[in-house]
Amino acid sequence: MKKDGPDILVFPPLVSVVVPVVALLLEWLVPLGLLPLGQLWLILPGVVVFGIAGWLVLAGERAFRQAGTNVDPRKPSLLLVRDGPFRFTRNPMYLGMVLFQIGIALTFAVDWALIGTVVVWAVLHFGVVLREEAYLTATFGADYTHYCSERRRWV
């Protein structure tokens, strides 16, 4: 049965804020010492990953706004967005949130952010993405399933 919005378990931006804060706290309390601090060979890729993450989130949000649909995943989807980063992945904003964790890990040598990457992905995948897909299938039917056949869920 179609609902007025997807039955997601958690508000995605909250996950992308809470997990790095917890990772930083754990890094301070229980440092693992896996990533060396201040190494240019880690910082540069980390900054690049930050840039990609930011572009995915901002471009995804812009594509939603330009199309005239809700950005907030708790609200109804008014139409399918296929422009911007949605040409390459079905979940660019969530992918950006996952990559943000990797950027933190590499740029600032936060070992716990690597573990946080897995946590963010799992929470988003099982608590948001799969639920949104069920909702979008019920809402848009064959149009959405065709879109899914053309684009990968994550990468």
N, C-alpha and C. Protein backbone atom coordinates (compact mmCIF):
# COMPACT_ATOMS: atom_id res chain seq x y z
N MET A 1 0.84 -1.18 0.00
CA MET A 1 0.00 0.00 0.00
C MET A 1 0.89 1.25 0.00
N LYS A 2 0.55 2.22 -0.82
CA LYS A 2 1.30 3.47 -0.93
C LYS A 2 1.06 4.34 0.31
N LYS A 3 2.14 4.92 0.80
CA LYS A 3 2.07 5.80 1.97
C LYS A 3 2.35 7.24 1.54
N ASP A 4 2.20 8.16 2.49
CA ASP A 4 2.50 9.56 2.21
C ASP A 4 3.99 9.86 2.24
N GLY A 5 4.79 8.89 2.58
CA GLY A 5 6.24 9.03 2.62
C GLY A 5 6.86 7.71 3.01
N PRO A 6 8.13 7.55 2.76
CA PRO A 6 8.79 6.28 3.10
C PRO A 6 8.86 6.08 4.61
N ASP A 7 8.80 4.86 5.03
CA ASP A 7 8.84 4.50 6.45
C ASP A 7 10.30 4.30 6.88
N ILE A 8 11.09 5.38 6.83
CA ILE A 8 12.51 5.27 7.17
C ILE A 8 12.67 5.20 8.69
N LEU A 9 13.75 4.54 9.12
CA LEU A 9 13.99 4.36 10.56
C LEU A 9 14.73 5.53 11.20
N VAL A 10 15.48 6.27 10.40
CA VAL A 10 16.30 7.34 10.96
C VAL A 10 16.43 8.47 9.93
N PHE A 11 16.55 9.68 10.41
CA PHE A 11 16.74 10.84 9.53
C PHE A 11 18.21 10.83 9.08
N PRO A 12 18.49 10.63 7.80
CA PRO A 12 19.87 10.45 7.32
C PRO A 12 20.89 11.49 7.75
N PRO A 13 20.59 12.80 7.68
CA PRO A 13 21.61 13.76 8.12
C PRO A 13 22.02 13.58 9.57
N LEU A 14 21.12 13.09 10.39
CA LEU A 14 21.44 12.84 11.79
C LEU A 14 22.54 11.78 11.90
N VAL A 15 22.43 10.74 11.09
CA VAL A 15 23.44 9.67 11.08
C VAL A 15 24.80 10.23 10.68
N SER A 16 24.80 11.10 9.67
CA SER A 16 26.08 11.61 9.18
C SER A 16 26.72 12.63 10.12
N VAL A 17 26.00 13.05 11.15
CA VAL A 17 26.56 13.93 12.17
C VAL A 17 26.93 13.14 13.42
N VAL A 18 26.05 12.27 13.87
CA VAL A 18 26.27 11.54 15.12
C VAL A 18 27.46 10.58 15.00
N VAL A 19 27.53 9.84 13.90
CA VAL A 19 28.61 8.84 13.77
C VAL A 19 30.00 9.47 13.81
N PRO A 20 30.28 10.55 13.08
CA PRO A 20 31.63 11.12 13.20
C PRO A 20 31.92 11.70 14.58
N VAL A 21 30.91 12.23 15.25
CA VAL A 21 31.12 12.74 16.61
C VAL A 21 31.51 11.58 17.53
N VAL A 22 30.81 10.47 17.40
CA VAL A 22 31.14 9.28 18.20
C VAL A 22 32.53 8.77 17.83
N ALA A 23 32.85 8.78 16.53
CA ALA A 23 34.18 8.33 16.09
C ALA A 23 35.29 9.19 16.69
N LEU A 24 35.08 10.51 16.70
CA LEU A 24 36.08 11.41 17.28
C LEU A 24 36.22 11.18 18.79
N LEU A 25 35.11 10.96 19.46
CA LEU A 25 35.14 10.68 20.89
C LEU A 25 35.89 9.37 21.17
N LEU A 26 35.59 8.34 20.39
CA LEU A 26 36.29 7.06 20.56
C LEU A 26 37.77 7.18 20.23
N GLU A 27 38.08 7.98 19.22
CA GLU A 27 39.49 8.19 18.86
C GLU A 27 40.26 8.83 20.01
N TRP A 28 39.59 9.71 20.72
CA TRP A 28 40.20 10.37 21.87
C TRP A 28 40.31 9.41 23.06
N LEU A 29 39.26 8.62 23.29
CA LEU A 29 39.24 7.71 24.45
C LEU A 29 40.03 6.43 24.23
N VAL A 30 39.91 5.85 23.03
CA VAL A 30 40.52 4.55 22.73
C VAL A 30 41.18 4.62 21.35
N PRO A 31 42.29 5.33 21.23
CA PRO A 31 42.94 5.44 19.92
C PRO A 31 43.45 4.08 19.44
N LEU A 32 43.19 3.79 18.18
CA LEU A 32 43.63 2.51 17.61
C LEU A 32 45.03 2.60 17.00
N GLY A 33 45.42 3.81 16.57
CA GLY A 33 46.76 4.01 16.03
C GLY A 33 47.01 3.38 14.68
N LEU A 34 45.98 3.19 13.88
CA LEU A 34 46.15 2.57 12.56
C LEU A 34 46.59 3.57 11.49
N LEU A 35 45.98 4.73 11.49
CA LEU A 35 46.29 5.75 10.49
C LEU A 35 47.25 6.78 11.09
N PRO A 36 48.39 7.00 10.43
CA PRO A 36 49.33 7.99 10.95
C PRO A 36 48.83 9.41 10.74
N LEU A 37 48.95 10.23 11.74
CA LEU A 37 48.49 11.62 11.70
C LEU A 37 49.44 12.49 10.90
N GLY A 38 48.89 13.39 10.10
CA GLY A 38 49.69 14.38 9.40
C GLY A 38 50.46 13.89 8.19
N GLN A 39 50.05 12.79 7.61
CA GLN A 39 50.74 12.24 6.44
C GLN A 39 50.07 12.74 5.16
N LEU A 40 50.83 13.45 4.34
CA LEU A 40 50.30 14.04 3.12
C LEU A 40 49.68 12.99 2.20
N TRP A 41 50.25 11.78 2.18
CA TRP A 41 49.73 10.73 1.31
C TRP A 41 48.35 10.24 1.76
N LEU A 42 47.93 10.60 2.97
CA LEU A 42 46.56 10.31 3.43
C LEU A 42 45.69 11.56 3.39
N ILE A 43 46.28 12.69 3.70
CA ILE A 43 45.51 13.94 3.75
C ILE A 43 44.97 14.31 2.37
N LEU A 44 45.81 14.24 1.34
CA LEU A 44 45.37 14.64 0.00
C LEU A 44 44.20 13.79 -0.51
N PRO A 45 44.29 12.46 -0.44
CA PRO A 45 43.11 11.68 -0.85
C PRO A 45 41.90 11.97 0.03
N GLY A 46 42.12 12.23 1.30
CA GLY A 46 41.02 12.56 2.20
C GLY A 46 40.30 13.82 1.78
N VAL A 47 41.06 14.83 1.38
CA VAL A 47 40.47 16.09 0.93
C VAL A 47 39.70 15.87 -0.38
N VAL A 48 40.24 15.05 -1.27
CA VAL A 48 39.55 14.74 -2.52
C VAL A 48 38.22 14.02 -2.22
N VAL A 49 38.26 13.06 -1.30
CA VAL A 49 37.04 12.34 -0.93
C VAL A 49 36.03 13.30 -0.30
N PHE A 50 36.49 14.22 0.55
CA PHE A 50 35.60 15.26 1.11
C PHE A 50 34.93 16.04 -0.01
N GLY A 51 35.71 16.44 -1.01
CA GLY A 51 35.17 17.21 -2.13
C GLY A 51 34.11 16.44 -2.89
N ILE A 52 34.37 15.18 -3.16
CA ILE A 52 33.39 14.34 -3.87
C ILE A 52 32.14 14.18 -3.01
N ALA A 53 32.32 13.94 -1.73
CA ALA A 53 31.18 13.78 -0.82
C ALA A 53 30.33 15.05 -0.81
N GLY A 54 30.96 16.18 -0.68
CA GLY A 54 30.23 17.44 -0.68
C GLY A 54 29.49 17.69 -1.97
N TRP A 55 30.16 17.41 -3.10
CA TRP A 55 29.51 17.59 -4.40
C TRP A 55 28.28 16.70 -4.51
N LEU A 56 28.40 15.43 -4.12
CA LEU A 56 27.27 14.51 -4.22
C LEU A 56 26.06 15.00 -3.41
N VAL A 57 26.32 15.43 -2.18
CA VAL A 57 25.22 15.89 -1.32
C VAL A 57 24.60 17.17 -1.88
N LEU A 58 25.43 18.16 -2.20
CA LEU A 58 24.90 19.44 -2.67
C LEU A 58 24.25 19.34 -4.05
N ALA A 59 24.86 18.60 -4.95
CA ALA A 59 24.29 18.45 -6.29
C ALA A 59 22.99 17.64 -6.24
N GLY A 60 22.93 16.65 -5.36
CA GLY A 60 21.71 15.88 -5.20
C GLY A 60 20.58 16.74 -4.66
N GLU A 61 20.90 17.54 -3.66
CA GLU A 61 19.90 18.43 -3.09
C GLU A 61 19.43 19.45 -4.13
N ARG A 62 20.37 20.00 -4.88
CA ARG A 62 20.02 20.97 -5.93
C ARG A 62 19.12 20.33 -6.98
N ALA A 63 19.42 19.10 -7.38
CA ALA A 63 18.59 18.41 -8.38
C ALA A 63 17.17 18.22 -7.87
N PHE A 64 17.02 17.88 -6.59
CA PHE A 64 15.68 17.74 -6.00
C PHE A 64 14.93 19.07 -6.03
N ARG A 65 15.61 20.13 -5.60
CA ARG A 65 14.97 21.45 -5.53
C ARG A 65 14.58 21.95 -6.93
N GLN A 66 15.47 21.77 -7.89
CA GLN A 66 15.17 22.20 -9.25
C GLN A 66 14.00 21.42 -9.85
N ALA A 67 13.90 20.15 -9.49
CA ALA A 67 12.80 19.33 -10.00
C ALA A 67 11.48 19.65 -9.30
N GLY A 68 11.56 20.24 -8.11
CA GLY A 68 10.35 20.58 -7.38
C GLY A 68 9.82 19.47 -6.51
N THR A 69 10.71 18.63 -6.00
CA THR A 69 10.28 17.57 -5.09
C THR A 69 10.92 17.78 -3.73
N ASN A 70 10.45 17.06 -2.75
CA ASN A 70 10.94 17.20 -1.38
C ASN A 70 12.34 16.64 -1.22
N VAL A 71 13.20 17.38 -0.55
CA VAL A 71 14.54 16.91 -0.22
C VAL A 71 14.49 16.02 1.02
N ASP A 72 13.66 16.37 1.96
CA ASP A 72 13.51 15.62 3.21
C ASP A 72 12.93 14.24 2.91
N PRO A 73 13.68 13.17 3.22
CA PRO A 73 13.22 11.82 2.87
C PRO A 73 12.01 11.35 3.69
N ARG A 74 11.62 12.11 4.70
CA ARG A 74 10.45 11.74 5.49
C ARG A 74 9.16 12.24 4.83
N LYS A 75 9.31 13.10 3.83
CA LYS A 75 8.15 13.67 3.13
C LYS A 75 7.91 12.92 1.82
N PRO A 76 6.72 13.08 1.25
CA PRO A 76 6.40 12.36 0.01
C PRO A 76 7.32 12.75 -1.15
N SER A 77 7.59 11.77 -2.00
CA SER A 77 8.32 12.03 -3.23
C SER A 77 7.30 12.42 -4.28
N LEU A 78 7.49 13.57 -4.89
CA LEU A 78 6.53 14.09 -5.85
C LEU A 78 6.82 13.62 -7.27
N LEU A 79 8.09 13.30 -7.53
CA LEU A 79 8.48 12.78 -8.84
C LEU A 79 9.86 12.16 -8.75
N LEU A 80 10.22 11.41 -9.78
CA LEU A 80 11.56 10.80 -9.83
C LEU A 80 12.54 11.82 -10.38
N VAL A 81 13.68 11.93 -9.74
CA VAL A 81 14.73 12.84 -10.19
C VAL A 81 15.81 11.99 -10.86
N ARG A 82 16.15 12.37 -12.08
CA ARG A 82 17.14 11.60 -12.85
C ARG A 82 18.30 12.48 -13.31
N ASP A 83 18.29 13.75 -12.91
CA ASP A 83 19.32 14.68 -13.34
C ASP A 83 20.43 14.79 -12.29
N GLY A 84 21.46 15.55 -12.63
CA GLY A 84 22.57 15.75 -11.70
C GLY A 84 23.23 14.42 -11.38
N PRO A 85 23.61 14.22 -10.14
CA PRO A 85 24.30 12.97 -9.78
C PRO A 85 23.38 11.74 -9.84
N PHE A 86 22.07 11.96 -9.97
CA PHE A 86 21.14 10.84 -10.09
C PHE A 86 21.27 10.17 -11.45
N ARG A 87 22.07 10.75 -12.34
CA ARG A 87 22.36 10.09 -13.61
C ARG A 87 23.33 8.93 -13.41
N PHE A 88 24.06 8.94 -12.27
CA PHE A 88 25.10 7.95 -12.04
C PHE A 88 24.78 6.97 -10.90
N THR A 89 24.03 7.43 -9.93
CA THR A 89 23.71 6.61 -8.76
C THR A 89 22.32 6.99 -8.26
N ARG A 90 21.61 6.02 -7.70
CA ARG A 90 20.27 6.30 -7.20
C ARG A 90 20.29 7.02 -5.86
N ASN A 91 21.41 7.00 -5.17
CA ASN A 91 21.48 7.57 -3.82
C ASN A 91 22.71 8.46 -3.64
N PRO A 92 22.84 9.51 -4.43
CA PRO A 92 24.06 10.31 -4.33
C PRO A 92 24.25 10.99 -2.98
N MET A 93 23.17 11.46 -2.38
CA MET A 93 23.32 12.15 -1.10
C MET A 93 23.75 11.18 0.00
N TYR A 94 23.22 9.97 -0.03
CA TYR A 94 23.61 8.97 0.98
C TYR A 94 25.03 8.49 0.71
N LEU A 95 25.38 8.34 -0.56
CA LEU A 95 26.76 7.98 -0.90
C LEU A 95 27.71 9.06 -0.40
N GLY A 96 27.32 10.32 -0.54
CA GLY A 96 28.13 11.42 -0.02
C GLY A 96 28.32 11.33 1.48
N MET A 97 27.27 10.93 2.19
CA MET A 97 27.36 10.79 3.65
C MET A 97 28.34 9.68 4.04
N VAL A 98 28.35 8.61 3.26
CA VAL A 98 29.29 7.51 3.52
C VAL A 98 30.72 7.97 3.22
N LEU A 99 30.90 8.62 2.08
CA LEU A 99 32.24 9.09 1.71
C LEU A 99 32.78 10.14 2.67
N PHE A 100 31.89 10.92 3.27
CA PHE A 100 32.28 11.90 4.26
C PHE A 100 33.05 11.24 5.41
N GLN A 101 32.61 10.05 5.83
CA GLN A 101 33.28 9.32 6.90
C GLN A 101 34.71 8.93 6.49
N ILE A 102 34.85 8.51 5.24
CA ILE A 102 36.18 8.13 4.74
C ILE A 102 37.07 9.37 4.69
N GLY A 103 36.50 10.49 4.27
CA GLY A 103 37.26 11.75 4.25
C GLY A 103 37.76 12.12 5.63
N ILE A 104 36.91 11.96 6.64
CA ILE A 104 37.33 12.24 8.03
C ILE A 104 38.47 11.32 8.43
N ALA A 105 38.30 10.03 8.14
CA ALA A 105 39.32 9.05 8.52
C ALA A 105 40.68 9.39 7.91
N LEU A 106 40.71 9.65 6.62
CA LEU A 106 41.98 9.89 5.94
C LEU A 106 42.58 11.25 6.27
N THR A 107 41.77 12.29 6.24
CA THR A 107 42.28 13.64 6.45
C THR A 107 42.79 13.86 7.87
N PHE A 108 42.06 13.33 8.83
CA PHE A 108 42.39 13.60 10.24
C PHE A 108 42.89 12.38 11.00
N ALA A 109 43.17 11.28 10.29
CA ALA A 109 43.68 10.04 10.90
C ALA A 109 42.77 9.56 12.03
N VAL A 110 41.48 9.53 11.76
CA VAL A 110 40.51 9.06 12.75
C VAL A 110 40.15 7.61 12.39
N ASP A 111 40.84 6.68 13.04
CA ASP A 111 40.62 5.25 12.76
C ASP A 111 39.17 4.84 12.94
N TRP A 112 38.55 5.35 13.97
CA TRP A 112 37.16 4.99 14.28
C TRP A 112 36.20 5.43 13.18
N ALA A 113 36.58 6.42 12.39
CA ALA A 113 35.73 6.86 11.28
C ALA A 113 35.68 5.80 10.18
N LEU A 114 36.72 4.97 10.09
CA LEU A 114 36.66 3.85 9.13
C LEU A 114 35.57 2.87 9.54
N ILE A 115 35.50 2.58 10.82
CA ILE A 115 34.44 1.72 11.34
C ILE A 115 33.10 2.45 11.19
N GLY A 116 33.12 3.75 11.43
CA GLY A 116 31.92 4.57 11.27
C GLY A 116 31.39 4.53 9.84
N THR A 117 32.29 4.40 8.87
CA THR A 117 31.87 4.30 7.47
C THR A 117 30.94 3.10 7.27
N VAL A 118 31.33 1.99 7.85
CA VAL A 118 30.51 0.77 7.74
C VAL A 118 29.18 0.97 8.47
N VAL A 119 29.23 1.60 9.62
CA VAL A 119 28.01 1.85 10.39
C VAL A 119 27.06 2.76 9.61
N VAL A 120 27.59 3.86 9.06
CA VAL A 120 26.76 4.79 8.30
C VAL A 120 26.14 4.08 7.10
N TRP A 121 26.96 3.33 6.37
CA TRP A 121 26.43 2.61 5.21
C TRP A 121 25.32 1.65 5.63
N ALA A 122 25.54 0.85 6.67
CA ALA A 122 24.56 -0.14 7.09
C ALA A 122 23.25 0.52 7.55
N VAL A 123 23.37 1.57 8.34
CA VAL A 123 22.17 2.27 8.82
C VAL A 123 21.40 2.87 7.65
N LEU A 124 22.12 3.51 6.73
CA LEU A 124 21.46 4.10 5.58
C LEU A 124 20.86 3.03 4.67
N HIS A 125 21.61 1.97 4.42
CA HIS A 125 21.15 0.92 3.51
C HIS A 125 19.89 0.22 4.04
N PHE A 126 19.98 -0.27 5.28
CA PHE A 126 18.87 -1.05 5.83
C PHE A 126 17.77 -0.20 6.45
N GLY A 127 18.14 0.94 7.00
CA GLY A 127 17.14 1.77 7.67
C GLY A 127 16.50 2.83 6.81
N VAL A 128 17.11 3.11 5.64
CA VAL A 128 16.58 4.18 4.79
C VAL A 128 16.40 3.71 3.34
N VAL A 129 17.48 3.33 2.69
CA VAL A 129 17.46 3.06 1.24
C VAL A 129 16.47 1.96 0.88
N LEU A 130 16.54 0.82 1.52
CA LEU A 130 15.64 -0.28 1.17
C LEU A 130 14.18 0.11 1.41
N ARG A 131 13.93 0.87 2.44
CA ARG A 131 12.57 1.33 2.74
C ARG A 131 12.10 2.37 1.73
N GLU A 132 13.00 3.26 1.33
CA GLU A 132 12.65 4.23 0.30
C GLU A 132 12.36 3.53 -1.02
N GLU A 133 13.14 2.52 -1.35
CA GLU A 133 12.92 1.80 -2.60
C GLU A 133 11.55 1.13 -2.63
N ALA A 134 11.14 0.56 -1.51
CA ALA A 134 9.81 -0.05 -1.45
C ALA A 134 8.74 1.02 -1.66
N TYR A 135 8.91 2.16 -1.01
CA TYR A 135 7.97 3.27 -1.15
C TYR A 135 7.94 3.80 -2.58
N LEU A 136 9.11 4.00 -3.18
CA LEU A 136 9.17 4.53 -4.54
C LEU A 136 8.61 3.55 -5.55
N THR A 137 8.80 2.26 -5.33
CA THR A 137 8.20 1.25 -6.20
C THR A 137 6.68 1.31 -6.11
N ALA A 138 6.16 1.44 -4.90
CA ALA A 138 4.71 1.54 -4.71
C ALA A 138 4.17 2.84 -5.30
N THR A 139 4.96 3.89 -5.25
CA THR A 139 4.51 5.20 -5.72
C THR A 139 4.61 5.35 -7.24
N PHE A 140 5.74 4.93 -7.80
CA PHE A 140 5.99 5.18 -9.22
C PHE A 140 5.97 3.93 -10.09
N GLY A 141 5.86 2.75 -9.49
CA GLY A 141 5.72 1.49 -10.24
C GLY A 141 6.81 1.22 -11.25
N ALA A 142 6.38 0.90 -12.47
CA ALA A 142 7.30 0.49 -13.53
C ALA A 142 8.31 1.58 -13.87
N ASP A 143 7.92 2.83 -13.74
CA ASP A 143 8.84 3.92 -14.03
C ASP A 143 10.05 3.85 -13.09
N TYR A 144 9.80 3.57 -11.82
CA TYR A 144 10.89 3.47 -10.86
C TYR A 144 11.70 2.20 -11.08
N THR A 145 11.06 1.08 -11.32
CA THR A 145 11.81 -0.17 -11.54
C THR A 145 12.68 -0.07 -12.79
N HIS A 146 12.20 0.65 -13.80
CA HIS A 146 13.02 0.88 -14.99
C HIS A 146 14.24 1.75 -14.64
N TYR A 147 14.00 2.79 -13.86
CA TYR A 147 15.10 3.65 -13.40
C TYR A 147 16.14 2.81 -12.63
N CYS A 148 15.66 1.92 -11.77
CA CYS A 148 16.56 1.06 -10.99
C CYS A 148 17.39 0.16 -11.90
N SER A 149 16.82 -0.28 -12.99
CA SER A 149 17.55 -1.15 -13.92
C SER A 149 18.64 -0.37 -14.66
N GLU A 150 18.52 0.93 -14.72
CA GLU A 150 19.49 1.77 -15.43
C GLU A 150 20.62 2.30 -14.55
N ARG A 151 20.39 2.35 -13.22
CA ARG A 151 21.38 2.94 -12.32
C ARG A 151 21.61 2.06 -11.11
N ARG A 152 22.84 2.09 -10.67
CA ARG A 152 23.19 1.32 -9.47
C ARG A 152 22.67 1.99 -8.22
N ARG A 153 22.47 1.19 -7.21
CA ARG A 153 21.97 1.73 -5.93
C ARG A 153 23.00 2.64 -5.28
N TRP A 154 24.25 2.25 -5.25
CA TRP A 154 25.29 3.01 -4.57
C TRP A 154 26.32 3.55 -5.56
N VAL A 155 27.11 2.66 -6.12
CA VAL A 155 28.20 3.10 -7.01
C VAL A 155 28.12 2.35 -8.32
